[in-house]
Amino acid sequence: MLDALIILAPLFLGFALALDNRTVMTVIHYAVEGLVYFILALLGLGLGQMEGLWQQLATMLGQVAILVVALGLANLAALWLWQRWQPMTVVAAEGATETSYRRLFLAALKPLSAVLVGVAAGAWLLPALPWVEDLATWSLMLLLLLIGVQLRNAGLSLRKLLMNRQGLGIALAVVISSLLIGLLLGPLLSIPWHDALALASGFGWYSLSGIVVGDALGPAWGGVAFLNDVLREIIALALIPLVIGRHPALAIGYGGATAMDFTLPIIRSSGGLACVPVAIASGFILSFLSPILMGLFLSLG
């Protein structure tokens, strides 16, 4: 097994590269999108070829339910407390359309579809492929390199993001509450405390958590990590328009790492422009911390 911390090296290498060529950045954008679905299909392939998958499925779904409920309640409680301590008000945006919301919701199902295609291929079409795990690991390292480049060249100042009090507070509320509940979930999930903390550190980044956790703990736990984070994204899309008017910090924070990209359009359309810098700041911080924390905790095993 390749050490989880070594996998993170490309992220920092990419973050150190400054590019100003728009064409190159466009190519990187599409390469990242394609790699995400390729990696998720490989995750599904590993699951499909796992011995006793169908016998373990009920257990995996139970573990996913525990993670989704426990982390969700902990995050929402922490974000509600932050909202009470540091109130954030927004003016609801006019003209939010059902079409945009429906498009985002359907897009959230695409990663799940990629995994299901991989599961079907692994279970019924392809023979056992011993190189799948290595291919997934190297693909993930390439993905992290490109994501590091994107973060560095997104026109965002890390100093300004950290100075965004609301964004920083929201991100810390999510991180602290996730790690606290992660410590409590270890015995309930029958895994060591550091593995439970790794599962709690995905913050909605399903393409990262599924492969990183799967590489360290096996395809079953990789599937659990993926489902936990992809369900968070789907729930966030349904929750954000309902609560952002009265509890904007709660709505933004529950989006986790996706607040700076995937859930940002629904945050913008439902909460207005005032929410955008806060969402970008909190999403960026969580996106940066997630791989570091997962790599750190998994390396303790």
C-alpha atoms as a PDB file:
ATOM      1  CA  MET A   1       0.000   0.000   0.000  1.00  0.00           C
ATOM      2  CA  LEU A   2       1.371   3.391  -0.960  1.00  0.00           C
ATOM      3  CA  ASP A   3       1.606   5.607   2.094  1.00  0.00           C
ATOM      4  CA  ALA A   4      -1.297   8.046   2.242  1.00  0.00           C
ATOM      5  CA  LEU A   5       0.988  11.000   2.872  1.00  0.00           C
ATOM      6  CA  ILE A   6       3.011  10.284  -0.284  1.00  0.00           C
ATOM      7  CA  ILE A   7      -0.203  10.468  -2.327  1.00  0.00           C
ATOM      8  CA  LEU A   8      -0.614  14.064  -1.154  1.00  0.00           C
ATOM      9  CA  ALA A   9       2.757  15.219  -2.507  1.00  0.00           C
ATOM     10  CA  PRO A  10       1.345  16.065  -5.976  1.00  0.00           C
ATOM     11  CA  LEU A  11      -1.245  18.381  -4.379  1.00  0.00           C
ATOM     12  CA  PHE A  12       1.487  20.562  -2.885  1.00  0.00           C
ATOM     13  CA  LEU A  13       3.582  20.317  -6.053  1.00  0.00           C
ATOM     14  CA  GLY A  14       0.625  21.505  -8.116  1.00  0.00           C
ATOM     15  CA  PHE A  15      -0.092  24.303  -5.646  1.00  0.00           C
ATOM     16  CA  ALA A  16       3.483  25.533  -6.151  1.00  0.00           C
ATOM     17  CA  LEU A  17       3.056  25.857  -9.937  1.00  0.00           C
ATOM     18  CA  ALA A  18       1.938  29.255 -11.177  1.00  0.00           C
ATOM     19  CA  LEU A  19       0.370  29.205 -14.656  1.00  0.00           C
ATOM     20  CA  ASP A  20      -1.179  32.085 -16.572  1.00  0.00           C
ATOM     21  CA  ASN A  21      -2.026  30.317 -19.838  1.00  0.00           C
ATOM     22  CA  ARG A  22      -5.798  30.214 -20.176  1.00  0.00           C
ATOM     23  CA  THR A  23      -5.714  27.431 -22.765  1.00  0.00           C
ATOM     24  CA  VAL A  24      -3.654  25.200 -20.476  1.00  0.00           C
ATOM     25  CA  MET A  25      -5.995  25.894 -17.562  1.00  0.00           C
ATOM     26  CA  THR A  26      -8.999  24.985 -19.733  1.00  0.00           C
ATOM     27  CA  VAL A  27      -7.340  21.686 -20.657  1.00  0.00           C
ATOM     28  CA  ILE A  28      -6.631  21.045 -16.964  1.00  0.00           C
ATOM     29  CA  HIS A  29     -10.268  21.758 -16.117  1.00  0.00           C
ATOM     30  CA  TYR A  30     -11.552  19.124 -18.546  1.00  0.00           C
ATOM     31  CA  ALA A  31      -8.800  16.702 -17.541  1.00  0.00           C
ATOM     32  CA  VAL A  32      -9.845  17.003 -13.894  1.00  0.00           C
ATOM     33  CA  GLU A  33     -13.483  16.385 -14.783  1.00  0.00           C
ATOM     34  CA  GLY A  34     -12.608  13.316 -16.827  1.00  0.00           C
ATOM     35  CA  LEU A  35     -10.246  11.955 -14.167  1.00  0.00           C
ATOM     36  CA  VAL A  36     -12.905  12.272 -11.476  1.00  0.00           C
ATOM     37  CA  TYR A  37     -15.306  10.017 -13.351  1.00  0.00           C
ATOM     38  CA  PHE A  38     -12.520   7.639 -14.371  1.00  0.00           C
ATOM     39  CA  ILE A  39     -11.387   7.286 -10.741  1.00  0.00           C
ATOM     40  CA  LEU A  40     -14.945   6.773  -9.545  1.00  0.00           C
ATOM     41  CA  ALA A  41     -15.448   4.053 -12.159  1.00  0.00           C
ATOM     42  CA  LEU A  42     -12.248   2.389 -10.894  1.00  0.00           C
ATOM     43  CA  LEU A  43     -13.618   2.616  -7.353  1.00  0.00           C
ATOM     44  CA  GLY A  44     -16.762   0.868  -8.534  1.00  0.00           C
ATOM     45  CA  LEU A  45     -14.662  -1.712 -10.402  1.00  0.00           C
ATOM     46  CA  GLY A  46     -12.791  -2.513  -7.199  1.00  0.00           C
ATOM     47  CA  LEU A  47     -16.064  -2.858  -5.340  1.00  0.00           C
ATOM     48  CA  GLY A  48     -17.546  -5.093  -8.025  1.00  0.00           C
ATOM     49  CA  GLN A  49     -14.552  -7.431  -7.868  1.00  0.00           C
ATOM     50  CA  MET A  50     -14.542  -7.551  -4.067  1.00  0.00           C
ATOM     51  CA  GLU A  51     -15.274 -11.006  -2.727  1.00  0.00           C
ATOM     52  CA  GLY A  52     -18.564 -11.162  -0.844  1.00  0.00           C
ATOM     53  CA  LEU A  53     -19.711  -7.698  -1.950  1.00  0.00           C
ATOM     54  CA  TRP A  54     -23.418  -8.489  -1.872  1.00  0.00           C
ATOM     55  CA  GLN A  55     -23.130 -10.089   1.571  1.00  0.00           C
ATOM     56  CA  GLN A  56     -21.376  -6.961   2.873  1.00  0.00           C
ATOM     57  CA  LEU A  57     -23.722  -4.494   1.193  1.00  0.00           C
ATOM     58  CA  ALA A  58     -26.183  -4.251   4.074  1.00  0.00           C
ATOM     59  CA  THR A  59     -23.342  -3.629   6.521  1.00  0.00           C
ATOM     60  CA  MET A  60     -21.873  -0.939   4.259  1.00  0.00           C
ATOM     61  CA  LEU A  61     -25.224   0.833   3.922  1.00  0.00           C
ATOM     62  CA  GLY A  62     -25.618   0.774   7.697  1.00  0.00           C
ATOM     63  CA  GLN A  63     -22.166   2.321   8.103  1.00  0.00           C
ATOM     64  CA  VAL A  64     -23.011   4.990   5.529  1.00  0.00           C
ATOM     65  CA  ALA A  65     -26.250   5.798   7.360  1.00  0.00           C
ATOM     66  CA  ILE A  66     -24.369   6.195  10.657  1.00  0.00           C
ATOM     67  CA  LEU A  67     -21.824   8.531   9.067  1.00  0.00           C
ATOM     68  CA  VAL A  68     -24.363  10.642   7.165  1.00  0.00           C
ATOM     69  CA  VAL A  69     -26.651  11.115  10.168  1.00  0.00           C
ATOM     70  CA  ALA A  70     -23.976  11.596  12.833  1.00  0.00           C
ATOM     71  CA  LEU A  71     -21.771  13.931  10.796  1.00  0.00           C
ATOM     72  CA  GLY A  72     -24.765  15.821   9.448  1.00  0.00           C
ATOM     73  CA  LEU A  73     -26.247  16.491  12.881  1.00  0.00           C
ATOM     74  CA  ALA A  74     -22.853  17.417  14.362  1.00  0.00           C
ATOM     75  CA  ASN A  75     -22.053  19.821  11.515  1.00  0.00           C
ATOM     76  CA  LEU A  76     -25.494  21.423  11.555  1.00  0.00           C
ATOM     77  CA  ALA A  77     -25.352  21.915  15.339  1.00  0.00           C
ATOM     78  CA  ALA A  78     -21.888  23.492  15.152  1.00  0.00           C
ATOM     79  CA  LEU A  79     -22.884  25.736  12.249  1.00  0.00           C
ATOM     80  CA  TRP A  80     -26.063  26.811  14.063  1.00  0.00           C
ATOM     81  CA  LEU A  81     -23.964  27.779  17.091  1.00  0.00           C
ATOM     82  CA  TRP A  82     -21.574  29.724  14.856  1.00  0.00           C
ATOM     83  CA  GLN A  83     -24.529  31.516  13.240  1.00  0.00           C
ATOM     84  CA  ARG A  84     -25.831  32.459  16.706  1.00  0.00           C
ATOM     85  CA  TRP A  85     -22.410  33.740  17.798  1.00  0.00           C
ATOM     86  CA  GLN A  86     -21.506  35.505  14.554  1.00  0.00           C
ATOM     87  CA  PRO A  87     -24.811  36.278  12.783  1.00  0.00           C
ATOM     88  CA  MET A  88     -24.759  36.405   9.016  1.00  0.00           C
ATOM     89  CA  THR A  89     -27.632  37.922   7.105  1.00  0.00           C
ATOM     90  CA  VAL A  90     -28.346  37.762   3.394  1.00  0.00           C
ATOM     91  CA  VAL A  91     -30.887  39.162   0.985  1.00  0.00           C
ATOM     92  CA  ALA A  92     -32.498  36.279  -0.864  1.00  0.00           C
ATOM     93  CA  ALA A  93     -31.784  36.429  -4.562  1.00  0.00           C
ATOM     94  CA  GLU A  94     -34.610  36.970  -6.975  1.00  0.00           C
ATOM     95  CA  GLY A  95     -35.116  34.756  -9.971  1.00  0.00           C
ATOM     96  CA  ALA A  96     -33.769  31.458  -8.690  1.00  0.00           C
ATOM     97  CA  THR A  97     -35.107  28.945 -11.170  1.00  0.00           C
ATOM     98  CA  GLU A  98     -36.278  25.402 -10.720  1.00  0.00           C
ATOM     99  CA  THR A  99     -34.418  24.485 -13.886  1.00  0.00           C
ATOM    100  CA  SER A 100     -31.004  25.384 -12.456  1.00  0.00           C
ATOM    101  CA  TYR A 101     -31.791  23.568  -9.236  1.00  0.00           C
ATOM    102  CA  ARG A 102     -32.965  20.453 -11.102  1.00  0.00           C
ATOM    103  CA  ARG A 103     -29.863  20.492 -13.300  1.00  0.00           C
ATOM    104  CA  LEU A 104     -27.578  20.645 -10.283  1.00  0.00           C
ATOM    105  CA  PHE A 105     -29.468  17.883  -8.516  1.00  0.00           C
ATOM    106  CA  LEU A 106     -29.245  15.599 -11.534  1.00  0.00           C
ATOM    107  CA  ALA A 107     -25.545  16.414 -11.920  1.00  0.00           C
ATOM    108  CA  ALA A 108     -25.001  15.231  -8.341  1.00  0.00           C
ATOM    109  CA  LEU A 109     -26.202  11.785  -9.411  1.00  0.00           C
ATOM    110  CA  LYS A 110     -23.539  11.480 -12.138  1.00  0.00           C
ATOM    111  CA  PRO A 111     -20.714  10.382  -9.817  1.00  0.00           C
ATOM    112  CA  LEU A 112     -22.984   7.719  -8.354  1.00  0.00           C
ATOM    113  CA  SER A 113     -23.732   6.518 -11.876  1.00  0.00           C
ATOM    114  CA  ALA A 114     -19.991   6.272 -12.641  1.00  0.00           C
ATOM    115  CA  VAL A 115     -19.471   4.065  -9.587  1.00  0.00           C
ATOM    116  CA  LEU A 116     -22.454   1.864 -10.473  1.00  0.00           C
ATOM    117  CA  VAL A 117     -21.087   1.359 -13.993  1.00  0.00           C
ATOM    118  CA  GLY A 118     -17.784   0.303 -12.464  1.00  0.00           C
ATOM    119  CA  VAL A 119     -19.518  -2.077 -10.038  1.00  0.00           C
ATOM    120  CA  ALA A 120     -21.453  -3.706 -12.882  1.00  0.00           C
ATOM    121  CA  ALA A 121     -18.308  -4.093 -14.973  1.00  0.00           C
ATOM    122  CA  GLY A 122     -16.376  -5.554 -12.060  1.00  0.00           C
ATOM    123  CA  ALA A 123     -19.115  -7.919 -10.948  1.00  0.00           C
ATOM    124  CA  TRP A 124     -20.303  -9.294 -14.306  1.00  0.00           C
ATOM    125  CA  LEU A 125     -18.112  -8.266 -17.240  1.00  0.00           C
ATOM    126  CA  LEU A 126     -14.428  -8.162 -16.353  1.00  0.00           C
ATOM    127  CA  PRO A 127     -12.175 -10.745 -14.743  1.00  0.00           C
ATOM    128  CA  ALA A 128     -10.245  -9.914 -11.568  1.00  0.00           C
ATOM    129  CA  LEU A 129      -7.754  -7.163 -12.425  1.00  0.00           C
ATOM    130  CA  PRO A 130      -4.933  -6.938  -9.859  1.00  0.00           C
ATOM    131  CA  TRP A 131      -3.666  -3.649 -11.277  1.00  0.00           C
ATOM    132  CA  VAL A 132      -6.883  -1.692 -10.613  1.00  0.00           C
ATOM    133  CA  GLU A 133      -5.722  -0.430  -7.212  1.00  0.00           C
ATOM    134  CA  ASP A 134      -2.372   0.801  -8.566  1.00  0.00           C
ATOM    135  CA  LEU A 135      -4.060   2.484 -11.525  1.00  0.00           C
ATOM    136  CA  ALA A 136      -6.503   4.213  -9.171  1.00  0.00           C
ATOM    137  CA  THR A 137      -3.654   5.404  -6.940  1.00  0.00           C
ATOM    138  CA  TRP A 138      -1.641   6.893  -9.809  1.00  0.00           C
ATOM    139  CA  SER A 139      -4.776   8.441 -11.317  1.00  0.00           C
ATOM    140  CA  LEU A 140      -5.541  10.023  -7.947  1.00  0.00           C
ATOM    141  CA  MET A 141      -2.025  11.449  -7.728  1.00  0.00           C
ATOM    142  CA  LEU A 142      -2.421  12.998 -11.182  1.00  0.00           C
ATOM    143  CA  LEU A 143      -5.825  14.372 -10.159  1.00  0.00           C
ATOM    144  CA  LEU A 144      -4.375  15.942  -7.003  1.00  0.00           C
ATOM    145  CA  LEU A 145      -1.549  17.493  -9.026  1.00  0.00           C
ATOM    146  CA  LEU A 146      -4.049  19.120 -11.396  1.00  0.00           C
ATOM    147  CA  ILE A 147      -6.318  20.207  -8.534  1.00  0.00           C
ATOM    148  CA  GLY A 148      -3.319  21.792  -6.823  1.00  0.00           C
ATOM    149  CA  VAL A 149      -2.635  23.754 -10.015  1.00  0.00           C
ATOM    150  CA  GLN A 150      -6.288  24.824 -10.167  1.00  0.00           C
ATOM    151  CA  LEU A 151      -6.308  26.000  -6.541  1.00  0.00           C
ATOM    152  CA  ARG A 152      -3.089  27.975  -7.037  1.00  0.00           C
ATOM    153  CA  ASN A 153      -4.315  29.615 -10.252  1.00  0.00           C
ATOM    154  CA  ALA A 154      -7.929  30.275  -9.268  1.00  0.00           C
ATOM    155  CA  GLY A 155      -7.182  33.945  -8.649  1.00  0.00           C
ATOM    156  CA  LEU A 156      -7.754  33.467  -4.923  1.00  0.00           C
ATOM    157  CA  SER A 157      -5.432  34.869  -2.295  1.00  0.00           C
ATOM    158  CA  LEU A 158      -4.970  32.409   0.563  1.00  0.00           C
ATOM    159  CA  ARG A 159      -4.354  35.341   2.894  1.00  0.00           C
ATOM    160  CA  LYS A 160      -7.619  37.017   1.898  1.00  0.00           C
ATOM    161  CA  LEU A 161      -9.525  33.731   2.204  1.00  0.00           C
ATOM    162  CA  LEU A 162      -8.196  33.183   5.719  1.00  0.00           C
ATOM    163  CA  MET A 163      -9.123  36.767   6.586  1.00  0.00           C
ATOM    164  CA  ASN A 164     -12.743  36.127   5.598  1.00  0.00           C
ATOM    165  CA  ARG A 165     -14.054  35.738   9.131  1.00  0.00           C
ATOM    166  CA  GLN A 166     -17.324  34.078   8.192  1.00  0.00           C
ATOM    167  CA  GLY A 167     -15.728  31.677   5.735  1.00  0.00           C
ATOM    168  CA  LEU A 168     -12.966  30.696   8.154  1.00  0.00           C
ATOM    169  CA  GLY A 169     -15.423  30.282  11.029  1.00  0.00           C
ATOM    170  CA  ILE A 170     -17.767  28.129   8.961  1.00  0.00           C
ATOM    171  CA  ALA A 171     -14.886  25.910   7.814  1.00  0.00           C
ATOM    172  CA  LEU A 172     -13.547  25.495  11.352  1.00  0.00           C
ATOM    173  CA  ALA A 173     -17.027  24.677  12.670  1.00  0.00           C
ATOM    174  CA  VAL A 174     -17.299  21.880  10.091  1.00  0.00           C
ATOM    175  CA  VAL A 175     -13.781  20.573  10.767  1.00  0.00           C
ATOM    176  CA  ILE A 176     -13.997  20.606  14.567  1.00  0.00           C
ATOM    177  CA  SER A 177     -17.482  19.074  14.756  1.00  0.00           C
ATOM    178  CA  SER A 178     -16.556  16.406  12.170  1.00  0.00           C
ATOM    179  CA  LEU A 179     -13.417  15.379  14.044  1.00  0.00           C
ATOM    180  CA  LEU A 180     -15.172  15.317  17.412  1.00  0.00           C
ATOM    181  CA  ILE A 181     -17.959  13.077  16.127  1.00  0.00           C
ATOM    182  CA  GLY A 182     -15.375  11.011  14.243  1.00  0.00           C
ATOM    183  CA  LEU A 183     -13.686  10.125  17.525  1.00  0.00           C
ATOM    184  CA  LEU A 184     -17.013   8.907  18.902  1.00  0.00           C
ATOM    185  CA  LEU A 185     -17.825   6.885  15.788  1.00  0.00           C
ATOM    186  CA  GLY A 186     -14.728   4.669  15.936  1.00  0.00           C
ATOM    187  CA  PRO A 187     -16.179   2.094  18.378  1.00  0.00           C
ATOM    188  CA  LEU A 188     -19.598   2.246  16.701  1.00  0.00           C
ATOM    189  CA  LEU A 189     -18.056   1.452  13.304  1.00  0.00           C
ATOM    190  CA  SER A 190     -15.618  -1.068  14.844  1.00  0.00           C
ATOM    191  CA  ILE A 191     -12.557   0.656  13.392  1.00  0.00           C
ATOM    192  CA  PRO A 192      -9.563   2.447  14.984  1.00  0.00           C
ATOM    193  CA  TRP A 193     -10.028   6.072  15.972  1.00  0.00           C
ATOM    194  CA  HIS A 194      -7.652   7.369  13.278  1.00  0.00           C
ATOM    195  CA  ASP A 195      -9.553   5.537  10.524  1.00  0.00           C
ATOM    196  CA  ALA A 196     -12.841   6.978  11.791  1.00  0.00           C
ATOM    197  CA  LEU A 197     -11.276  10.454  11.722  1.00  0.00           C
ATOM    198  CA  ALA A 198     -10.170   9.874   8.125  1.00  0.00           C
ATOM    199  CA  LEU A 199     -13.749   8.978   7.154  1.00  0.00           C
ATOM    200  CA  ALA A 200     -14.973  12.123   8.901  1.00  0.00           C
ATOM    201  CA  SER A 201     -12.480  14.318   7.002  1.00  0.00           C
ATOM    202  CA  GLY A 202     -13.950  13.993   3.507  1.00  0.00           C
ATOM    203  CA  PHE A 203     -16.122  17.115   3.928  1.00  0.00           C
ATOM    204  CA  GLY A 204     -18.096  16.190   0.806  1.00  0.00           C
ATOM    205  CA  TRP A 205     -15.117  15.587  -1.503  1.00  0.00           C
ATOM    206  CA  TYR A 206     -16.289  12.164  -2.711  1.00  0.00           C
ATOM    207  CA  SER A 207     -13.802  11.645  -5.552  1.00  0.00           C
ATOM    208  CA  LEU A 208     -10.920  12.088  -3.120  1.00  0.00           C
ATOM    209  CA  SER A 209     -12.242  10.289  -0.062  1.00  0.00           C
ATOM    210  CA  GLY A 210     -13.417   7.192  -1.914  1.00  0.00           C
ATOM    211  CA  ILE A 211     -10.037   6.459  -3.477  1.00  0.00           C
ATOM    212  CA  VAL A 212      -7.798   7.594  -0.590  1.00  0.00           C
ATOM    213  CA  VAL A 213      -9.769   5.605   1.985  1.00  0.00           C
ATOM    214  CA  GLY A 214     -10.186   2.678  -0.402  1.00  0.00           C
ATOM    215  CA  ASP A 215      -6.443   2.572  -1.047  1.00  0.00           C
ATOM    216  CA  ALA A 216      -5.710   2.436   2.692  1.00  0.00           C
ATOM    217  CA  LEU A 217      -8.613   0.434   4.099  1.00  0.00           C
ATOM    218  CA  GLY A 218      -9.917  -1.580   1.149  1.00  0.00           C
ATOM    219  CA  PRO A 219     -12.696  -1.146  -1.430  1.00  0.00           C
ATOM    220  CA  ALA A 220     -15.534  -1.650   1.073  1.00  0.00           C
ATOM    221  CA  TRP A 221     -14.496   1.320   3.199  1.00  0.00           C
ATOM    222  CA  GLY A 222     -13.711   3.272   0.041  1.00  0.00           C
ATOM    223  CA  GLY A 223     -17.318   2.722  -1.026  1.00  0.00           C
ATOM    224  CA  VAL A 224     -18.554   3.822   2.389  1.00  0.00           C
ATOM    225  CA  ALA A 225     -16.464   7.007   2.233  1.00  0.00           C
ATOM    226  CA  PHE A 226     -17.699   7.775  -1.289  1.00  0.00           C
ATOM    227  CA  LEU A 227     -21.375   7.244  -0.471  1.00  0.00           C
ATOM    228  CA  ASN A 228     -21.104   9.311   2.702  1.00  0.00           C
ATOM    229  CA  ASP A 229     -19.694  12.288   0.823  1.00  0.00           C
ATOM    230  CA  VAL A 230     -21.821  12.044  -2.308  1.00  0.00           C
ATOM    231  CA  LEU A 231     -24.976  11.840  -0.172  1.00  0.00           C
ATOM    232  CA  ARG A 232     -23.808  14.937   1.679  1.00  0.00           C
ATOM    233  CA  GLU A 233     -23.678  16.774  -1.629  1.00  0.00           C
ATOM    234  CA  ILE A 234     -27.149  15.619  -2.650  1.00  0.00           C
ATOM    235  CA  ILE A 235     -28.616  16.555   0.749  1.00  0.00           C
ATOM    236  CA  ALA A 236     -26.882  19.953   0.545  1.00  0.00           C
ATOM    237  CA  LEU A 237     -28.571  20.711  -2.788  1.00  0.00           C
ATOM    238  CA  ALA A 238     -31.957  20.045  -1.214  1.00  0.00           C
ATOM    239  CA  LEU A 239     -31.163  21.831   2.065  1.00  0.00           C
ATOM    240  CA  ILE A 240     -29.495  25.033   0.867  1.00  0.00           C
ATOM    241  CA  PRO A 241     -32.553  26.727  -0.740  1.00  0.00           C
ATOM    242  CA  LEU A 242     -34.679  25.873   2.307  1.00  0.00           C
ATOM    243  CA  VAL A 243     -32.490  27.337   5.048  1.00  0.00           C
ATOM    244  CA  ILE A 244     -30.128  29.879   3.492  1.00  0.00           C
ATOM    245  CA  GLY A 245     -32.522  32.781   4.033  1.00  0.00           C
ATOM    246  CA  ARG A 246     -32.581  32.398   7.839  1.00  0.00           C
ATOM    247  CA  HIS A 247     -29.380  30.410   8.439  1.00  0.00           C
ATOM    248  CA  PRO A 248     -26.889  31.209   5.667  1.00  0.00           C
ATOM    249  CA  ALA A 249     -23.837  29.961   7.590  1.00  0.00           C
ATOM    250  CA  LEU A 250     -25.556  26.626   8.142  1.00  0.00           C
ATOM    251  CA  ALA A 251     -26.499  26.299   4.461  1.00  0.00           C
ATOM    252  CA  ILE A 252     -23.032  27.224   3.192  1.00  0.00           C
ATOM    253  CA  GLY A 253     -21.202  25.067   5.721  1.00  0.00           C
ATOM    254  CA  TYR A 254     -23.193  21.929   5.037  1.00  0.00           C
ATOM    255  CA  GLY A 255     -22.054  22.147   1.422  1.00  0.00           C
ATOM    256  CA  GLY A 256     -18.570  21.388   2.764  1.00  0.00           C
ATOM    257  CA  ALA A 257     -15.714  21.424   0.281  1.00  0.00           C
ATOM    258  CA  THR A 258     -18.203  21.737  -2.606  1.00  0.00           C
ATOM    259  CA  ALA A 259     -19.245  25.246  -1.515  1.00  0.00           C
ATOM    260  CA  MET A 260     -16.505  26.702  -3.710  1.00  0.00           C
ATOM    261  CA  ASP A 261     -17.555  24.849  -6.849  1.00  0.00           C
ATOM    262  CA  PHE A 262     -20.454  22.403  -7.220  1.00  0.00           C
ATOM    263  CA  THR A 263     -22.946  23.844  -4.722  1.00  0.00           C
ATOM    264  CA  LEU A 264     -21.826  27.444  -5.331  1.00  0.00           C
ATOM    265  CA  PRO A 265     -24.437  28.118  -8.070  1.00  0.00           C
ATOM    266  CA  ILE A 266     -27.337  27.135  -5.811  1.00  0.00           C
ATOM    267  CA  ILE A 267     -25.806  29.141  -2.936  1.00  0.00           C
ATOM    268  CA  ARG A 268     -25.558  32.142  -5.258  1.00  0.00           C
ATOM    269  CA  SER A 269     -29.066  31.795  -6.690  1.00  0.00           C
ATOM    270  CA  SER A 270     -30.697  31.173  -3.303  1.00  0.00           C
ATOM    271  CA  GLY A 271     -28.677  33.466  -1.044  1.00  0.00           C
ATOM    272  CA  GLY A 272     -27.432  36.242  -3.289  1.00  0.00           C
ATOM    273  CA  LEU A 273     -23.990  37.661  -4.066  1.00  0.00           C
ATOM    274  CA  ALA A 274     -23.140  38.286  -0.408  1.00  0.00           C
ATOM    275  CA  CYS A 275     -22.830  34.536   0.111  1.00  0.00           C
ATOM    276  CA  VAL A 276     -20.343  33.958  -2.706  1.00  0.00           C
ATOM    277  CA  PRO A 277     -17.064  35.116  -1.057  1.00  0.00           C
ATOM    278  CA  VAL A 278     -18.007  33.319   2.158  1.00  0.00           C
ATOM    279  CA  ALA A 279     -18.796  30.100   0.283  1.00  0.00           C
ATOM    280  CA  ILE A 280     -15.568  30.279  -1.724  1.00  0.00           C
ATOM    281  CA  ALA A 281     -13.499  30.900   1.414  1.00  0.00           C
ATOM    282  CA  SER A 282     -15.044  28.062   3.426  1.00  0.00           C
ATOM    283  CA  GLY A 283     -15.013  25.653   0.473  1.00  0.00           C
ATOM    284  CA  PHE A 284     -11.383  26.433  -0.353  1.00  0.00           C
ATOM    285  CA  ILE A 285     -10.219  25.922   3.228  1.00  0.00           C
ATOM    286  CA  LEU A 286     -12.080  22.613   3.522  1.00  0.00           C
ATOM    287  CA  SER A 287     -10.786  21.470   0.109  1.00  0.00           C
ATOM    288  CA  PHE A 288      -7.239  22.214   1.226  1.00  0.00           C
ATOM    289  CA  LEU A 289      -7.580  20.574   4.652  1.00  0.00           C
ATOM    290  CA  SER A 290      -9.460  17.441   3.569  1.00  0.00           C
ATOM    291  CA  PRO A 291      -6.601  15.598   1.793  1.00  0.00           C
ATOM    292  CA  ILE A 292      -4.108  16.674   4.448  1.00  0.00           C
ATOM    293  CA  LEU A 293      -6.244  15.379   7.318  1.00  0.00           C
ATOM    294  CA  MET A 294      -7.178  12.147   5.547  1.00  0.00           C
ATOM    295  CA  GLY A 295      -3.564  11.461   4.639  1.00  0.00           C
ATOM    296  CA  LEU A 296      -2.404  12.221   8.177  1.00  0.00           C
ATOM    297  CA  PHE A 297      -4.958  10.006   9.908  1.00  0.00           C
ATOM    298  CA  LEU A 298      -4.588   7.094   7.472  1.00  0.00           C
ATOM    299  CA  SER A 299      -0.799   7.198   7.842  1.00  0.00           C
ATOM    300  CA  LEU A 300      -1.230   6.382  11.552  1.00  0.00           C
ATOM    301  CA  GLY A 301      -2.528   2.906  10.743  1.00  0.00           C
END
